[in-house]
Amino acid sequence: MKNHALARYGVAYGLDDIAHAETTRDQVLGLLEAEEAKGVTTVRRFVDLTKTRFWVG
């Protein structure tokens, strides 16, 4: 899990990682916002493709 981008910053995997988590916690919000933007884009693309394929109007 440590290799996943969201798990690299602001997370401590034991007492030895606390300093790293504290110094990188400000990077978490940007990563979460980027992931949310990707999700919104994916959902919009799905809706557009679904409308194109199945729209009966």
N, C-alpha and C. Protein backbone atom coordinates (compact mmCIF):
# COMPACT_ATOMS: atom_id res chain seq x y z
N MET A 1 0.82 -1.20 0.00
CA MET A 1 0.00 0.00 0.00
C MET A 1 0.86 1.26 0.00
N LYS A 2 2.03 1.20 0.57
CA LYS A 2 2.90 2.38 0.61
C LYS A 2 3.23 2.91 -0.77
N ASN A 3 3.17 2.07 -1.78
CA ASN A 3 3.51 2.50 -3.14
C ASN A 3 2.38 3.25 -3.82
N HIS A 4 1.19 3.16 -3.28
CA HIS A 4 0.04 3.87 -3.85
C HIS A 4 0.20 5.36 -3.52
N ALA A 5 -0.06 6.23 -4.47
CA ALA A 5 0.17 7.67 -4.29
C ALA A 5 -0.55 8.23 -3.07
N LEU A 6 -1.79 7.83 -2.84
CA LEU A 6 -2.53 8.38 -1.71
C LEU A 6 -2.02 7.88 -0.37
N ALA A 7 -1.26 6.80 -0.38
CA ALA A 7 -0.76 6.25 0.88
C ALA A 7 0.67 6.70 1.18
N ARG A 8 1.28 7.46 0.29
CA ARG A 8 2.65 7.90 0.50
C ARG A 8 2.77 9.15 1.36
N TYR A 9 1.76 9.98 1.35
CA TYR A 9 1.85 11.27 2.02
C TYR A 9 0.82 11.37 3.14
N GLY A 10 1.25 11.89 4.27
CA GLY A 10 0.35 12.13 5.38
C GLY A 10 -0.10 10.89 6.13
N VAL A 11 0.55 9.76 5.88
CA VAL A 11 0.18 8.50 6.52
C VAL A 11 1.39 7.91 7.21
N ALA A 12 1.18 7.44 8.44
CA ALA A 12 2.25 6.77 9.19
C ALA A 12 1.93 5.29 9.28
N TYR A 13 2.89 4.47 8.93
CA TYR A 13 2.76 3.01 9.04
C TYR A 13 3.58 2.52 10.22
N GLY A 14 3.37 3.13 11.34
CA GLY A 14 4.12 2.79 12.55
C GLY A 14 4.75 4.04 13.11
N LEU A 15 5.33 3.91 14.27
CA LEU A 15 5.90 5.06 14.97
C LEU A 15 7.07 5.69 14.22
N ASP A 16 7.78 4.91 13.45
CA ASP A 16 8.94 5.44 12.72
C ASP A 16 8.53 6.36 11.57
N ASP A 17 7.29 6.28 11.13
CA ASP A 17 6.83 7.06 9.98
C ASP A 17 6.11 8.35 10.36
N ILE A 18 5.96 8.63 11.63
CA ILE A 18 5.19 9.79 12.06
C ILE A 18 5.78 11.10 11.53
N ALA A 19 7.07 11.26 11.61
CA ALA A 19 7.69 12.50 11.13
C ALA A 19 7.42 12.70 9.64
N HIS A 20 7.55 11.64 8.87
CA HIS A 20 7.28 11.72 7.43
C HIS A 20 5.81 12.08 7.17
N ALA A 21 4.91 11.48 7.91
CA ALA A 21 3.48 11.76 7.75
C ALA A 21 3.19 13.23 8.06
N GLU A 22 3.80 13.74 9.11
CA GLU A 22 3.55 15.13 9.48
C GLU A 22 4.12 16.11 8.45
N THR A 23 5.27 15.80 7.90
CA THR A 23 5.89 16.73 6.94
C THR A 23 5.27 16.64 5.55
N THR A 24 4.55 15.59 5.26
CA THR A 24 3.95 15.44 3.93
C THR A 24 2.44 15.57 3.93
N ARG A 25 1.84 15.85 5.07
CA ARG A 25 0.37 15.89 5.13
C ARG A 25 -0.22 16.98 4.26
N ASP A 26 0.52 18.04 3.97
CA ASP A 26 -0.01 19.12 3.13
C ASP A 26 -0.15 18.70 1.67
N GLN A 27 0.44 17.59 1.29
CA GLN A 27 0.36 17.10 -0.09
C GLN A 27 -0.87 16.24 -0.34
N VAL A 28 -1.54 15.82 0.72
CA VAL A 28 -2.67 14.91 0.59
C VAL A 28 -3.86 15.56 -0.11
N LEU A 29 -4.20 16.78 0.24
CA LEU A 29 -5.37 17.43 -0.34
C LEU A 29 -5.28 17.54 -1.86
N GLY A 30 -4.11 17.90 -2.36
CA GLY A 30 -3.93 17.99 -3.80
C GLY A 30 -4.14 16.66 -4.50
N LEU A 31 -3.64 15.60 -3.89
CA LEU A 31 -3.83 14.26 -4.46
C LEU A 31 -5.30 13.86 -4.45
N LEU A 32 -5.99 14.15 -3.35
CA LEU A 32 -7.41 13.81 -3.28
C LEU A 32 -8.22 14.60 -4.30
N GLU A 33 -7.90 15.86 -4.48
CA GLU A 33 -8.61 16.66 -5.47
C GLU A 33 -8.37 16.15 -6.88
N ALA A 34 -7.16 15.73 -7.17
CA ALA A 34 -6.85 15.18 -8.49
C ALA A 34 -7.61 13.87 -8.74
N GLU A 35 -7.66 13.02 -7.71
CA GLU A 35 -8.40 11.76 -7.84
C GLU A 35 -9.89 12.01 -8.04
N GLU A 36 -10.43 12.98 -7.33
CA GLU A 36 -11.85 13.32 -7.49
C GLU A 36 -12.12 13.83 -8.91
N ALA A 37 -11.23 14.67 -9.42
CA ALA A 37 -11.40 15.20 -10.78
C ALA A 37 -11.37 14.07 -11.81
N LYS A 38 -10.48 13.11 -11.62
CA LYS A 38 -10.44 11.96 -12.53
C LYS A 38 -11.73 11.16 -12.47
N GLY A 39 -12.26 10.99 -11.25
CA GLY A 39 -13.51 10.26 -11.09
C GLY A 39 -14.67 10.97 -11.77
N VAL A 40 -14.75 12.27 -11.61
CA VAL A 40 -15.82 13.05 -12.25
C VAL A 40 -15.72 12.94 -13.77
N THR A 41 -14.52 13.03 -14.29
CA THR A 41 -14.32 12.90 -15.73
C THR A 41 -14.77 11.53 -16.22
N THR A 42 -14.43 10.49 -15.48
CA THR A 42 -14.82 9.13 -15.85
C THR A 42 -16.34 8.97 -15.86
N VAL A 43 -16.99 9.50 -14.84
CA VAL A 43 -18.45 9.39 -14.76
C VAL A 43 -19.11 10.17 -15.90
N ARG A 44 -18.61 11.36 -16.18
CA ARG A 44 -19.18 12.15 -17.29
C ARG A 44 -19.03 11.43 -18.63
N ARG A 45 -17.87 10.82 -18.83
CA ARG A 45 -17.65 10.07 -20.07
C ARG A 45 -18.61 8.89 -20.16
N PHE A 46 -18.80 8.19 -19.05
CA PHE A 46 -19.73 7.07 -19.02
C PHE A 46 -21.15 7.52 -19.37
N VAL A 47 -21.59 8.61 -18.76
CA VAL A 47 -22.94 9.12 -19.02
C VAL A 47 -23.08 9.52 -20.48
N ASP A 48 -22.10 10.20 -21.03
CA ASP A 48 -22.16 10.59 -22.44
C ASP A 48 -22.23 9.38 -23.36
N LEU A 49 -21.39 8.39 -23.10
CA LEU A 49 -21.40 7.18 -23.93
C LEU A 49 -22.71 6.42 -23.80
N THR A 50 -23.24 6.36 -22.59
CA THR A 50 -24.50 5.67 -22.37
C THR A 50 -25.64 6.38 -23.10
N LYS A 51 -25.68 7.70 -23.03
CA LYS A 51 -26.71 8.45 -23.73
C LYS A 51 -26.60 8.23 -25.23
N THR A 52 -25.39 8.25 -25.75
CA THR A 52 -25.18 8.07 -27.19
C THR A 52 -25.65 6.69 -27.64
N ARG A 53 -25.36 5.69 -26.85
CA ARG A 53 -25.69 4.33 -27.26
C ARG A 53 -27.15 3.97 -27.04
N PHE A 54 -27.73 4.43 -25.96
CA PHE A 54 -29.05 3.94 -25.59
C PHE A 54 -30.16 4.97 -25.65
N TRP A 55 -29.86 6.18 -26.08
CA TRP A 55 -30.89 7.22 -26.10
C TRP A 55 -31.96 6.88 -27.13
N VAL A 56 -33.16 6.83 -26.66
CA VAL A 56 -34.30 6.58 -27.54
C VAL A 56 -35.15 7.85 -27.48
N GLY A 57 -35.04 8.67 -28.47
CA GLY A 57 -35.74 9.93 -28.39
C GLY A 57 -36.44 10.28 -29.58
